[in-house]
Amino acid sequence: MTRSDIAIKKTGKSMDEWYAILDRWNAQEKGHAATAKYLAAEWGVNAWWSQNITVEYEKARGLRVVGQRADGNFEVSFRRTMPAPVEWVYAAFTTPERLNRWFTHDAQLDVRVGGEYHTGDGDMGIYKNVVPNKRLRFTWENPDHCPGSMVDVQFDPPAPDRCVVSLTHSKIKTQDGYNDMKAGWHNALDSLKALAESYQLDP
């Protein structure tokens, strides 16, 4: 079933029909919030589909590029299953010795709310949320790579010897920054997964 087929089933109209409606309403000049509100108020579209149609319309009309959010910022998200216990994976993000093996070098970490981190690559920031073995949230203030952005990491253990890492890097200001962070996190998480495969050999 195509996206348009799903739209017809859920809203009674295809995506092309919705695009035509929004064109007639001159949505390109109204903005994201007003367009989503218009779909809900005038056409009875539920909140989820109002947002979905608006986002797809913006992409189709060149108003939004891949990875861009409604506020104009960019966001990258990853979800990886690591072949290691959640405690090991969490420690890979929060202990300098282990972080240095897959992400950076010369890491200095003060993992507590309000604590700071610094790496030899110029990454730095402040921890905003720390729940051991569950989640991390920290600012990202590398002056050369996406300063003013935010990283959220969720740790979910589906089994004793596995951990699902869900990572979102948000509030990225430029498409170049989005492209850099997408490639960077992709490679970093590949490195972490390779390291996790040998976790039983760790001291």
N, C-alpha and C. Protein backbone atom coordinates (compact mmCIF):
# COMPACT_ATOMS: atom_id res chain seq x y z
N MET A 1 0.85 -1.20 0.00
CA MET A 1 0.00 0.00 0.00
C MET A 1 0.88 1.25 0.00
N THR A 2 0.63 2.15 -0.93
CA THR A 2 1.43 3.36 -1.04
C THR A 2 1.00 4.38 0.02
N ARG A 3 1.84 5.42 0.20
CA ARG A 3 1.50 6.50 1.12
C ARG A 3 0.17 7.14 0.73
N SER A 4 -0.04 7.31 -0.60
CA SER A 4 -1.28 7.93 -1.06
C SER A 4 -2.47 7.04 -0.76
N ASP A 5 -2.30 5.71 -0.91
CA ASP A 5 -3.38 4.77 -0.58
C ASP A 5 -3.74 4.87 0.90
N ILE A 6 -2.72 4.98 1.73
CA ILE A 6 -2.96 5.10 3.17
C ILE A 6 -3.68 6.41 3.47
N ALA A 7 -3.26 7.48 2.79
CA ALA A 7 -3.92 8.78 3.00
C ALA A 7 -5.39 8.71 2.63
N ILE A 8 -5.70 8.04 1.50
CA ILE A 8 -7.11 7.90 1.09
C ILE A 8 -7.89 7.14 2.15
N LYS A 9 -7.30 6.07 2.66
CA LYS A 9 -7.98 5.25 3.67
C LYS A 9 -8.22 6.03 4.95
N LYS A 10 -7.25 6.85 5.35
CA LYS A 10 -7.34 7.54 6.63
C LYS A 10 -8.04 8.90 6.55
N THR A 11 -7.97 9.55 5.38
CA THR A 11 -8.50 10.92 5.29
C THR A 11 -9.54 11.11 4.20
N GLY A 12 -9.70 10.10 3.34
CA GLY A 12 -10.67 10.22 2.26
C GLY A 12 -10.13 10.87 1.01
N LYS A 13 -8.88 11.31 1.03
CA LYS A 13 -8.28 11.95 -0.14
C LYS A 13 -6.85 11.47 -0.31
N SER A 14 -6.39 11.49 -1.57
CA SER A 14 -4.99 11.14 -1.83
C SER A 14 -4.09 12.32 -1.47
N MET A 15 -2.78 12.06 -1.40
CA MET A 15 -1.85 13.14 -1.10
C MET A 15 -1.90 14.21 -2.19
N ASP A 16 -2.01 13.79 -3.45
CA ASP A 16 -2.09 14.78 -4.54
C ASP A 16 -3.33 15.66 -4.40
N GLU A 17 -4.43 15.07 -3.97
CA GLU A 17 -5.65 15.87 -3.76
C GLU A 17 -5.44 16.88 -2.64
N TRP A 18 -4.77 16.44 -1.57
CA TRP A 18 -4.48 17.38 -0.47
C TRP A 18 -3.53 18.48 -0.93
N TYR A 19 -2.55 18.12 -1.74
CA TYR A 19 -1.62 19.14 -2.25
C TYR A 19 -2.37 20.19 -3.06
N ALA A 20 -3.32 19.74 -3.89
CA ALA A 20 -4.10 20.67 -4.71
C ALA A 20 -4.94 21.60 -3.84
N ILE A 21 -5.53 21.04 -2.80
CA ILE A 21 -6.33 21.84 -1.86
C ILE A 21 -5.46 22.90 -1.20
N LEU A 22 -4.28 22.51 -0.77
CA LEU A 22 -3.39 23.45 -0.10
C LEU A 22 -2.83 24.49 -1.07
N ASP A 23 -2.62 24.09 -2.31
CA ASP A 23 -2.20 25.08 -3.31
C ASP A 23 -3.26 26.15 -3.50
N ARG A 24 -4.53 25.72 -3.60
CA ARG A 24 -5.62 26.68 -3.79
C ARG A 24 -5.75 27.61 -2.59
N TRP A 25 -5.41 27.10 -1.42
CA TRP A 25 -5.47 27.90 -0.19
C TRP A 25 -4.23 28.78 -0.04
N ASN A 26 -3.27 28.59 -0.94
CA ASN A 26 -2.00 29.34 -0.91
C ASN A 26 -1.18 29.01 0.33
N ALA A 27 -1.09 27.72 0.63
CA ALA A 27 -0.41 27.27 1.85
C ALA A 27 1.07 27.62 1.88
N GLN A 28 1.67 27.77 0.71
CA GLN A 28 3.11 28.05 0.68
C GLN A 28 3.45 29.37 1.37
N GLU A 29 2.48 30.25 1.46
CA GLU A 29 2.72 31.54 2.12
C GLU A 29 2.15 31.60 3.53
N LYS A 30 1.47 30.54 3.96
CA LYS A 30 0.79 30.58 5.26
C LYS A 30 1.65 30.04 6.40
N GLY A 31 2.58 29.15 6.09
CA GLY A 31 3.42 28.58 7.15
C GLY A 31 2.89 27.26 7.66
N HIS A 32 3.76 26.53 8.36
CA HIS A 32 3.45 25.17 8.81
C HIS A 32 2.28 25.13 9.79
N ALA A 33 2.37 25.92 10.85
CA ALA A 33 1.35 25.86 11.90
C ALA A 33 -0.03 26.22 11.36
N ALA A 34 -0.10 27.27 10.54
CA ALA A 34 -1.39 27.70 10.00
C ALA A 34 -1.96 26.65 9.06
N THR A 35 -1.10 25.98 8.30
CA THR A 35 -1.56 24.95 7.37
C THR A 35 -2.13 23.75 8.11
N ALA A 36 -1.41 23.28 9.11
CA ALA A 36 -1.91 22.14 9.90
C ALA A 36 -3.22 22.49 10.58
N LYS A 37 -3.32 23.70 11.10
CA LYS A 37 -4.55 24.15 11.75
C LYS A 37 -5.70 24.23 10.75
N TYR A 38 -5.42 24.69 9.55
CA TYR A 38 -6.43 24.78 8.50
C TYR A 38 -6.98 23.40 8.16
N LEU A 39 -6.12 22.42 8.01
CA LEU A 39 -6.56 21.06 7.69
C LEU A 39 -7.45 20.49 8.78
N ALA A 40 -7.11 20.78 10.02
CA ALA A 40 -7.91 20.28 11.14
C ALA A 40 -9.24 21.00 11.26
N ALA A 41 -9.20 22.33 11.17
CA ALA A 41 -10.42 23.12 11.40
C ALA A 41 -11.38 23.08 10.23
N GLU A 42 -10.86 23.15 9.01
CA GLU A 42 -11.73 23.26 7.84
C GLU A 42 -12.05 21.93 7.18
N TRP A 43 -11.21 20.94 7.39
CA TRP A 43 -11.40 19.66 6.72
C TRP A 43 -11.57 18.49 7.67
N GLY A 44 -11.50 18.75 8.96
CA GLY A 44 -11.74 17.70 9.95
C GLY A 44 -10.66 16.63 10.00
N VAL A 45 -9.45 16.98 9.58
CA VAL A 45 -8.35 16.01 9.60
C VAL A 45 -7.77 15.95 11.02
N ASN A 46 -7.52 14.74 11.52
CA ASN A 46 -7.02 14.63 12.90
C ASN A 46 -5.61 15.20 13.01
N ALA A 47 -5.15 15.36 14.24
CA ALA A 47 -3.89 16.07 14.50
C ALA A 47 -2.71 15.40 13.81
N TRP A 48 -2.64 14.07 13.89
CA TRP A 48 -1.49 13.37 13.30
C TRP A 48 -1.46 13.56 11.80
N TRP A 49 -2.59 13.38 11.14
CA TRP A 49 -2.62 13.51 9.69
C TRP A 49 -2.50 14.96 9.24
N SER A 50 -2.96 15.89 10.04
CA SER A 50 -2.76 17.30 9.70
C SER A 50 -1.27 17.62 9.61
N GLN A 51 -0.51 17.13 10.59
CA GLN A 51 0.93 17.34 10.58
C GLN A 51 1.59 16.59 9.42
N ASN A 52 1.18 15.34 9.22
CA ASN A 52 1.78 14.51 8.18
C ASN A 52 1.56 15.10 6.80
N ILE A 53 0.33 15.51 6.51
CA ILE A 53 0.03 16.09 5.20
C ILE A 53 0.82 17.39 5.00
N THR A 54 0.89 18.20 6.05
CA THR A 54 1.61 19.47 5.95
C THR A 54 3.09 19.24 5.67
N VAL A 55 3.70 18.31 6.38
CA VAL A 55 5.12 18.02 6.17
C VAL A 55 5.37 17.51 4.75
N GLU A 56 4.53 16.57 4.29
CA GLU A 56 4.72 16.03 2.95
C GLU A 56 4.48 17.09 1.89
N TYR A 57 3.54 17.97 2.12
CA TYR A 57 3.29 19.08 1.19
C TYR A 57 4.51 19.99 1.11
N GLU A 58 5.08 20.30 2.26
CA GLU A 58 6.26 21.17 2.29
C GLU A 58 7.43 20.54 1.55
N LYS A 59 7.59 19.24 1.69
CA LYS A 59 8.65 18.55 0.96
C LYS A 59 8.38 18.59 -0.54
N ALA A 60 7.13 18.31 -0.92
CA ALA A 60 6.77 18.27 -2.34
C ALA A 60 6.94 19.62 -3.01
N ARG A 61 6.75 20.70 -2.27
CA ARG A 61 6.83 22.04 -2.84
C ARG A 61 8.18 22.71 -2.60
N GLY A 62 9.13 21.93 -2.08
CA GLY A 62 10.47 22.46 -1.87
C GLY A 62 10.59 23.42 -0.69
N LEU A 63 9.61 23.36 0.21
CA LEU A 63 9.64 24.24 1.38
C LEU A 63 10.39 23.61 2.54
N ARG A 64 10.66 22.33 2.44
CA ARG A 64 11.34 21.61 3.52
C ARG A 64 12.22 20.55 2.89
N VAL A 65 13.40 20.36 3.43
CA VAL A 65 14.30 19.33 2.94
C VAL A 65 14.34 18.19 3.95
N VAL A 66 14.90 17.07 3.53
CA VAL A 66 14.96 15.89 4.39
C VAL A 66 15.67 16.23 5.69
N GLY A 67 15.07 15.82 6.81
CA GLY A 67 15.67 16.06 8.11
C GLY A 67 15.26 17.36 8.76
N GLN A 68 14.55 18.22 8.03
CA GLN A 68 14.18 19.53 8.57
C GLN A 68 12.85 19.44 9.31
N ARG A 69 12.79 20.09 10.47
CA ARG A 69 11.59 20.10 11.29
C ARG A 69 10.75 21.33 10.98
N ALA A 70 9.58 21.37 11.59
CA ALA A 70 8.66 22.49 11.33
C ALA A 70 9.24 23.83 11.76
N ASP A 71 10.12 23.83 12.76
CA ASP A 71 10.70 25.09 13.23
C ASP A 71 11.90 25.54 12.40
N GLY A 72 12.22 24.78 11.35
CA GLY A 72 13.34 25.14 10.49
C GLY A 72 14.65 24.48 10.86
N ASN A 73 14.75 23.95 12.08
CA ASN A 73 15.95 23.23 12.48
C ASN A 73 15.96 21.83 11.87
N PHE A 74 17.11 21.18 11.97
CA PHE A 74 17.26 19.83 11.44
C PHE A 74 17.46 18.84 12.59
N GLU A 75 17.20 17.56 12.28
CA GLU A 75 17.28 16.53 13.31
C GLU A 75 17.67 15.20 12.68
N VAL A 76 18.59 14.50 13.31
CA VAL A 76 18.94 13.15 12.87
C VAL A 76 18.59 12.18 13.99
N SER A 77 18.13 10.99 13.60
CA SER A 77 17.74 9.98 14.58
C SER A 77 18.27 8.62 14.14
N PHE A 78 18.69 7.85 15.12
CA PHE A 78 19.19 6.50 14.87
C PHE A 78 18.63 5.56 15.93
N ARG A 79 18.49 4.30 15.53
CA ARG A 79 18.07 3.26 16.46
C ARG A 79 18.90 2.02 16.13
N ARG A 80 19.71 1.59 17.08
CA ARG A 80 20.60 0.45 16.85
C ARG A 80 20.49 -0.54 18.01
N THR A 81 20.50 -1.82 17.66
CA THR A 81 20.53 -2.86 18.68
C THR A 81 21.97 -3.28 18.90
N MET A 82 22.42 -3.12 20.13
CA MET A 82 23.79 -3.46 20.50
C MET A 82 23.83 -4.83 21.17
N PRO A 83 24.77 -5.70 20.76
CA PRO A 83 24.85 -7.04 21.33
C PRO A 83 25.61 -7.07 22.65
N ALA A 84 25.09 -6.32 23.62
CA ALA A 84 25.73 -6.23 24.93
C ALA A 84 24.69 -5.78 25.95
N PRO A 85 24.91 -6.06 27.22
CA PRO A 85 23.95 -5.63 28.25
C PRO A 85 23.84 -4.12 28.33
N VAL A 86 22.70 -3.65 28.82
CA VAL A 86 22.46 -2.21 28.90
C VAL A 86 23.51 -1.51 29.76
N GLU A 87 23.97 -2.18 30.83
CA GLU A 87 24.97 -1.55 31.70
C GLU A 87 26.27 -1.28 30.94
N TRP A 88 26.65 -2.23 30.10
CA TRP A 88 27.88 -2.06 29.32
C TRP A 88 27.71 -0.92 28.30
N VAL A 89 26.56 -0.89 27.63
CA VAL A 89 26.33 0.14 26.60
C VAL A 89 26.25 1.52 27.23
N TYR A 90 25.57 1.63 28.36
CA TYR A 90 25.48 2.92 29.04
C TYR A 90 26.88 3.40 29.44
N ALA A 91 27.69 2.47 29.93
CA ALA A 91 29.06 2.83 30.33
C ALA A 91 29.90 3.27 29.12
N ALA A 92 29.54 2.78 27.94
CA ALA A 92 30.27 3.18 26.73
C ALA A 92 30.05 4.65 26.41
N PHE A 93 28.96 5.21 26.91
CA PHE A 93 28.68 6.64 26.73
C PHE A 93 29.17 7.48 27.91
N THR A 94 29.41 6.86 29.05
CA THR A 94 29.60 7.64 30.28
C THR A 94 30.94 7.44 30.98
N THR A 95 31.80 6.58 30.47
CA THR A 95 33.13 6.43 31.05
C THR A 95 34.17 6.82 30.00
N PRO A 96 35.12 7.67 30.35
CA PRO A 96 36.10 8.16 29.36
C PRO A 96 36.84 7.04 28.65
N GLU A 97 37.28 6.03 29.40
CA GLU A 97 38.07 4.96 28.80
C GLU A 97 37.30 4.27 27.67
N ARG A 98 36.03 4.00 27.92
CA ARG A 98 35.25 3.29 26.90
C ARG A 98 34.82 4.22 25.77
N LEU A 99 34.44 5.45 26.10
CA LEU A 99 34.04 6.41 25.07
C LEU A 99 35.19 6.66 24.09
N ASN A 100 36.41 6.69 24.62
CA ASN A 100 37.58 6.92 23.78
C ASN A 100 37.81 5.80 22.76
N ARG A 101 37.23 4.66 23.00
CA ARG A 101 37.46 3.51 22.12
C ARG A 101 36.57 3.51 20.89
N TRP A 102 35.47 4.27 20.91
CA TRP A 102 34.57 4.23 19.75
C TRP A 102 34.15 5.61 19.24
N PHE A 103 34.36 6.66 20.04
CA PHE A 103 33.79 7.96 19.66
C PHE A 103 34.81 9.09 19.56
N THR A 104 35.79 9.10 20.42
CA THR A 104 36.65 10.28 20.51
C THR A 104 37.99 9.92 21.13
N HIS A 105 38.70 10.91 21.64
CA HIS A 105 39.92 10.68 22.41
C HIS A 105 40.02 11.77 23.48
N ASP A 106 40.73 11.47 24.53
CA ASP A 106 40.95 12.42 25.63
C ASP A 106 39.64 12.96 26.21
N ALA A 107 38.67 12.08 26.37
CA ALA A 107 37.37 12.51 26.91
C ALA A 107 37.47 12.82 28.40
N GLN A 108 36.79 13.88 28.81
CA GLN A 108 36.63 14.24 30.22
C GLN A 108 35.13 14.38 30.48
N LEU A 109 34.61 13.54 31.37
CA LEU A 109 33.17 13.46 31.58
C LEU A 109 32.81 13.64 33.04
N ASP A 110 31.90 14.54 33.31
CA ASP A 110 31.32 14.71 34.64
C ASP A 110 29.83 14.41 34.50
N VAL A 111 29.51 13.11 34.53
CA VAL A 111 28.17 12.66 34.15
C VAL A 111 27.19 12.83 35.31
N ARG A 112 26.62 14.00 35.39
CA ARG A 112 25.57 14.35 36.35
C ARG A 112 24.85 15.56 35.78
N VAL A 113 23.64 15.78 36.21
CA VAL A 113 22.90 16.94 35.72
C VAL A 113 23.67 18.21 36.08
N GLY A 114 23.98 19.00 35.08
CA GLY A 114 24.78 20.20 35.28
C GLY A 114 26.26 19.98 35.08
N GLY A 115 26.68 18.71 35.00
CA GLY A 115 28.09 18.41 34.76
C GLY A 115 28.47 18.66 33.31
N GLU A 116 29.76 18.86 33.08
CA GLU A 116 30.24 19.16 31.73
C GLU A 116 31.01 17.98 31.15
N TYR A 117 31.08 17.97 29.83
CA TYR A 117 31.94 17.00 29.15
C TYR A 117 32.78 17.74 28.11
N HIS A 118 33.97 17.21 27.85
CA HIS A 118 34.87 17.75 26.84
C HIS A 118 35.57 16.58 26.17
N THR A 119 35.82 16.68 24.88
CA THR A 119 36.56 15.63 24.18
C THR A 119 37.71 16.24 23.40
N GLY A 120 38.65 15.39 23.00
CA GLY A 120 39.78 15.85 22.23
C GLY A 120 39.42 16.30 20.83
N ASP A 121 38.20 16.01 20.39
CA ASP A 121 37.73 16.45 19.07
C ASP A 121 37.06 17.82 19.11
N GLY A 122 36.98 18.41 20.30
CA GLY A 122 36.33 19.72 20.42
C GLY A 122 34.88 19.67 20.81
N ASP A 123 34.34 18.46 21.01
CA ASP A 123 32.96 18.36 21.48
C ASP A 123 32.91 18.76 22.95
N MET A 124 31.85 19.47 23.31
CA MET A 124 31.69 19.88 24.70
C MET A 124 30.21 20.18 24.95
N GLY A 125 29.84 20.21 26.21
CA GLY A 125 28.46 20.53 26.53
C GLY A 125 28.16 20.24 27.98
N ILE A 126 26.88 20.29 28.30
CA ILE A 126 26.41 20.11 29.67
C ILE A 126 25.34 19.03 29.70
N TYR A 127 25.41 18.16 30.67
CA TYR A 127 24.39 17.13 30.85
C TYR A 127 23.12 17.74 31.43
N LYS A 128 22.00 17.51 30.77
CA LYS A 128 20.71 18.06 31.19
C LYS A 128 19.82 17.01 31.85
N ASN A 129 20.02 15.75 31.51
CA ASN A 129 19.24 14.67 32.10
C ASN A 129 20.11 13.43 32.15
N VAL A 130 20.21 12.83 33.31
CA VAL A 130 21.02 11.64 33.49
C VAL A 130 20.23 10.63 34.32
N VAL A 131 19.84 9.53 33.70
CA VAL A 131 19.18 8.43 34.40
C VAL A 131 19.99 7.18 34.05
N PRO A 132 20.81 6.68 34.98
CA PRO A 132 21.70 5.57 34.67
C PRO A 132 20.99 4.39 34.02
N ASN A 133 21.59 3.91 32.94
CA ASN A 133 21.10 2.76 32.19
C ASN A 133 19.74 2.99 31.51
N LYS A 134 19.29 4.24 31.47
CA LYS A 134 18.01 4.55 30.83
C LYS A 134 18.11 5.68 29.81
N ARG A 135 18.65 6.83 30.20
CA ARG A 135 18.68 7.94 29.24
C ARG A 135 19.74 8.98 29.60
N LEU A 136 20.17 9.67 28.56
CA LEU A 136 21.07 10.81 28.68
C LEU A 136 20.56 11.93 27.79
N ARG A 137 20.71 13.15 28.25
CA ARG A 137 20.41 14.32 27.42
C ARG A 137 21.51 15.34 27.69
N PHE A 138 22.13 15.82 26.63
CA PHE A 138 23.23 16.78 26.82
C PHE A 138 23.28 17.76 25.65
N THR A 139 23.75 18.97 25.98
CA THR A 139 23.93 19.97 24.93
C THR A 139 25.17 19.63 24.12
N TRP A 140 25.20 20.17 22.91
CA TRP A 140 26.33 19.93 22.00
C TRP A 140 26.84 21.30 21.57
N GLU A 141 28.06 21.63 22.00
CA GLU A 141 28.59 22.98 21.79
C GLU A 141 29.94 22.99 21.08
N ASN A 142 30.17 22.02 20.21
CA ASN A 142 31.39 22.05 19.42
C ASN A 142 31.34 23.28 18.51
N PRO A 143 32.26 24.23 18.65
CA PRO A 143 32.17 25.48 17.88
C PRO A 143 32.27 25.28 16.37
N ASP A 144 32.84 24.14 15.95
CA ASP A 144 33.00 23.88 14.51
C ASP A 144 31.93 22.97 13.94
N HIS A 145 31.13 22.34 14.81
CA HIS A 145 30.14 21.37 14.34
C HIS A 145 28.85 21.50 15.14
N CYS A 146 27.90 22.24 14.61
CA CYS A 146 26.54 22.31 15.15
C CYS A 146 26.45 22.80 16.59
N PRO A 147 27.09 23.92 16.94
CA PRO A 147 26.91 24.46 18.30
C PRO A 147 25.45 24.84 18.52
N GLY A 148 25.03 24.72 19.78
CA GLY A 148 23.65 25.06 20.11
C GLY A 148 22.65 23.95 19.86
N SER A 149 23.14 22.74 19.59
CA SER A 149 22.24 21.62 19.34
C SER A 149 22.13 20.74 20.58
N MET A 150 21.33 19.67 20.48
CA MET A 150 21.02 18.84 21.65
C MET A 150 21.03 17.37 21.25
N VAL A 151 21.54 16.52 22.17
CA VAL A 151 21.58 15.08 21.92
C VAL A 151 20.79 14.36 23.01
N ASP A 152 19.91 13.46 22.59
CA ASP A 152 19.15 12.60 23.51
C ASP A 152 19.47 11.15 23.19
N VAL A 153 19.77 10.37 24.22
CA VAL A 153 20.07 8.95 24.03
C VAL A 153 19.19 8.15 24.99
N GLN A 154 18.50 7.15 24.43
CA GLN A 154 17.65 6.27 25.23
C GLN A 154 18.24 4.87 25.17
N PHE A 155 18.26 4.18 26.31
CA PHE A 155 18.79 2.82 26.39
C PHE A 155 17.65 1.89 26.80
N ASP A 156 17.32 0.92 25.95
CA ASP A 156 16.22 -0.01 26.23
C ASP A 156 16.72 -1.44 26.07
N PRO A 157 16.70 -2.25 27.15
CA PRO A 157 17.18 -3.63 27.06
C PRO A 157 16.05 -4.62 26.74
N PRO A 158 15.94 -5.11 25.50
CA PRO A 158 14.91 -6.10 25.19
C PRO A 158 15.24 -7.48 25.74
N ALA A 159 16.51 -7.68 26.10
CA ALA A 159 16.98 -8.94 26.66
C ALA A 159 18.22 -8.65 27.50
N PRO A 160 18.61 -9.57 28.39
CA PRO A 160 19.76 -9.31 29.26
C PRO A 160 21.06 -9.03 28.51
N ASP A 161 21.20 -9.60 27.31
CA ASP A 161 22.45 -9.44 26.57
C ASP A 161 22.32 -8.52 25.36
N ARG A 162 21.27 -7.69 25.34
CA ARG A 162 21.08 -6.76 24.22
C ARG A 162 20.57 -5.42 24.74
N CYS A 163 20.87 -4.37 23.99
CA CYS A 163 20.40 -3.04 24.35
C CYS A 163 20.10 -2.26 23.07
N VAL A 164 18.91 -1.69 23.00
CA VAL A 164 18.54 -0.85 21.87
C VAL A 164 18.89 0.60 22.22
N VAL A 165 19.73 1.20 21.41
CA VAL A 165 20.12 2.60 21.59
C VAL A 165 19.32 3.45 20.60
N SER A 166 18.56 4.40 21.13
CA SER A 166 17.83 5.35 20.30
C SER A 166 18.46 6.72 20.52
N LEU A 167 19.05 7.27 19.47
CA LEU A 167 19.79 8.53 19.59
C LEU A 167 19.18 9.57 18.65
N THR A 168 18.92 10.75 19.20
CA THR A 168 18.41 11.86 18.40
C THR A 168 19.28 13.09 18.63
N HIS A 169 19.77 13.67 17.55
CA HIS A 169 20.54 14.91 17.62
C HIS A 169 19.67 15.98 16.99
N SER A 170 19.17 16.90 17.80
CA SER A 170 18.18 17.88 17.36
C SER A 170 18.72 19.31 17.44
N LYS A 171 17.91 20.24 16.97
CA LYS A 171 18.23 21.68 16.97
C LYS A 171 19.48 22.00 16.15
N ILE A 172 19.71 21.21 15.10
CA ILE A 172 20.81 21.48 14.18
C ILE A 172 20.37 22.60 13.24
N LYS A 173 21.19 23.59 13.07
CA LYS A 173 20.76 24.81 12.40
C LYS A 173 20.84 24.78 10.88
N THR A 174 21.70 23.95 10.30
CA THR A 174 21.91 24.00 8.85
C THR A 174 21.83 22.61 8.23
N GLN A 175 21.58 22.58 6.92
CA GLN A 175 21.55 21.30 6.23
C GLN A 175 22.94 20.67 6.18
N ASP A 176 23.98 21.48 6.04
CA ASP A 176 25.34 20.94 6.07
C ASP A 176 25.62 20.29 7.42
N GLY A 177 25.17 20.94 8.49
CA GLY A 177 25.33 20.36 9.82
C GLY A 177 24.58 19.05 9.94
N TYR A 178 23.37 19.02 9.40
CA TYR A 178 22.57 17.79 9.39
C TYR A 178 23.32 16.67 8.68
N ASN A 179 23.86 16.97 7.50
CA ASN A 179 24.58 15.96 6.73
C ASN A 179 25.81 15.46 7.49
N ASP A 180 26.53 16.38 8.12
CA ASP A 180 27.72 16.01 8.89
C ASP A 180 27.36 15.12 10.07
N MET A 181 26.33 15.51 10.81
CA MET A 181 25.95 14.74 11.99
C MET A 181 25.36 13.39 11.62
N LYS A 182 24.63 13.35 10.52
CA LYS A 182 24.08 12.07 10.08
C LYS A 182 25.19 11.08 9.76
N ALA A 183 26.19 11.54 9.01
CA ALA A 183 27.32 10.67 8.67
C ALA A 183 28.15 10.35 9.91
N GLY A 184 28.37 11.35 10.76
CA GLY A 184 29.19 11.15 11.94
C GLY A 184 28.60 10.15 12.92
N TRP A 185 27.32 10.32 13.23
CA TRP A 185 26.68 9.40 14.17
C TRP A 185 26.53 8.00 13.57
N HIS A 186 26.28 7.93 12.28
CA HIS A 186 26.19 6.62 11.62
C HIS A 186 27.50 5.85 11.81
N ASN A 187 28.60 6.49 11.53
CA ASN A 187 29.90 5.83 11.67
C ASN A 187 30.23 5.53 13.13
N ALA A 188 29.90 6.47 14.02
CA ALA A 188 30.19 6.27 15.43
C ALA A 188 29.43 5.09 16.00
N LEU A 189 28.15 4.99 15.66
CA LEU A 189 27.34 3.88 16.18
C LEU A 189 27.76 2.55 15.57
N ASP A 190 28.24 2.57 14.33
CA ASP A 190 28.82 1.35 13.76
C ASP A 190 30.03 0.92 14.59
N SER A 191 30.85 1.88 14.97
CA SER A 191 32.04 1.58 15.79
C SER A 191 31.64 1.04 17.15
N LEU A 192 30.60 1.63 17.74
CA LEU A 192 30.13 1.15 19.04
C LEU A 192 29.61 -0.28 18.93
N LYS A 193 28.87 -0.56 17.87
CA LYS A 193 28.34 -1.91 17.70
C LYS A 193 29.47 -2.92 17.56
N ALA A 194 30.49 -2.57 16.80
CA ALA A 194 31.64 -3.47 16.64
C ALA A 194 32.33 -3.70 17.98
N LEU A 195 32.44 -2.65 18.78
CA LEU A 195 33.05 -2.78 20.10
C LEU A 195 32.17 -3.62 21.01
N ALA A 196 30.86 -3.44 20.92
CA ALA A 196 29.93 -4.19 21.77
C ALA A 196 29.98 -5.69 21.49
N GLU A 197 30.31 -6.05 20.26
CA GLU A 197 30.38 -7.47 19.91
C GLU A 197 31.49 -8.19 20.68
N SER A 198 32.43 -7.43 21.21
CA SER A 198 33.52 -8.05 21.98
C SER A 198 33.47 -7.62 23.44
N TYR A 199 32.28 -7.23 23.93
CA TYR A 199 32.20 -6.68 25.29
C TYR A 199 32.67 -7.66 26.35
N GLN A 200 32.51 -8.97 26.11
CA GLN A 200 32.91 -9.95 27.11
C GLN A 200 34.43 -9.99 27.30
N LEU A 201 35.16 -9.40 26.35
CA LEU A 201 36.62 -9.36 26.46
C LEU A 201 37.10 -8.13 27.19
N ASP A 202 36.17 -7.20 27.49
CA ASP A 202 36.56 -5.96 28.16
C ASP A 202 37.04 -6.25 29.58
N PRO A 203 38.01 -5.47 30.04
CA PRO A 203 38.47 -5.64 31.43
C PRO A 203 37.40 -5.16 32.39
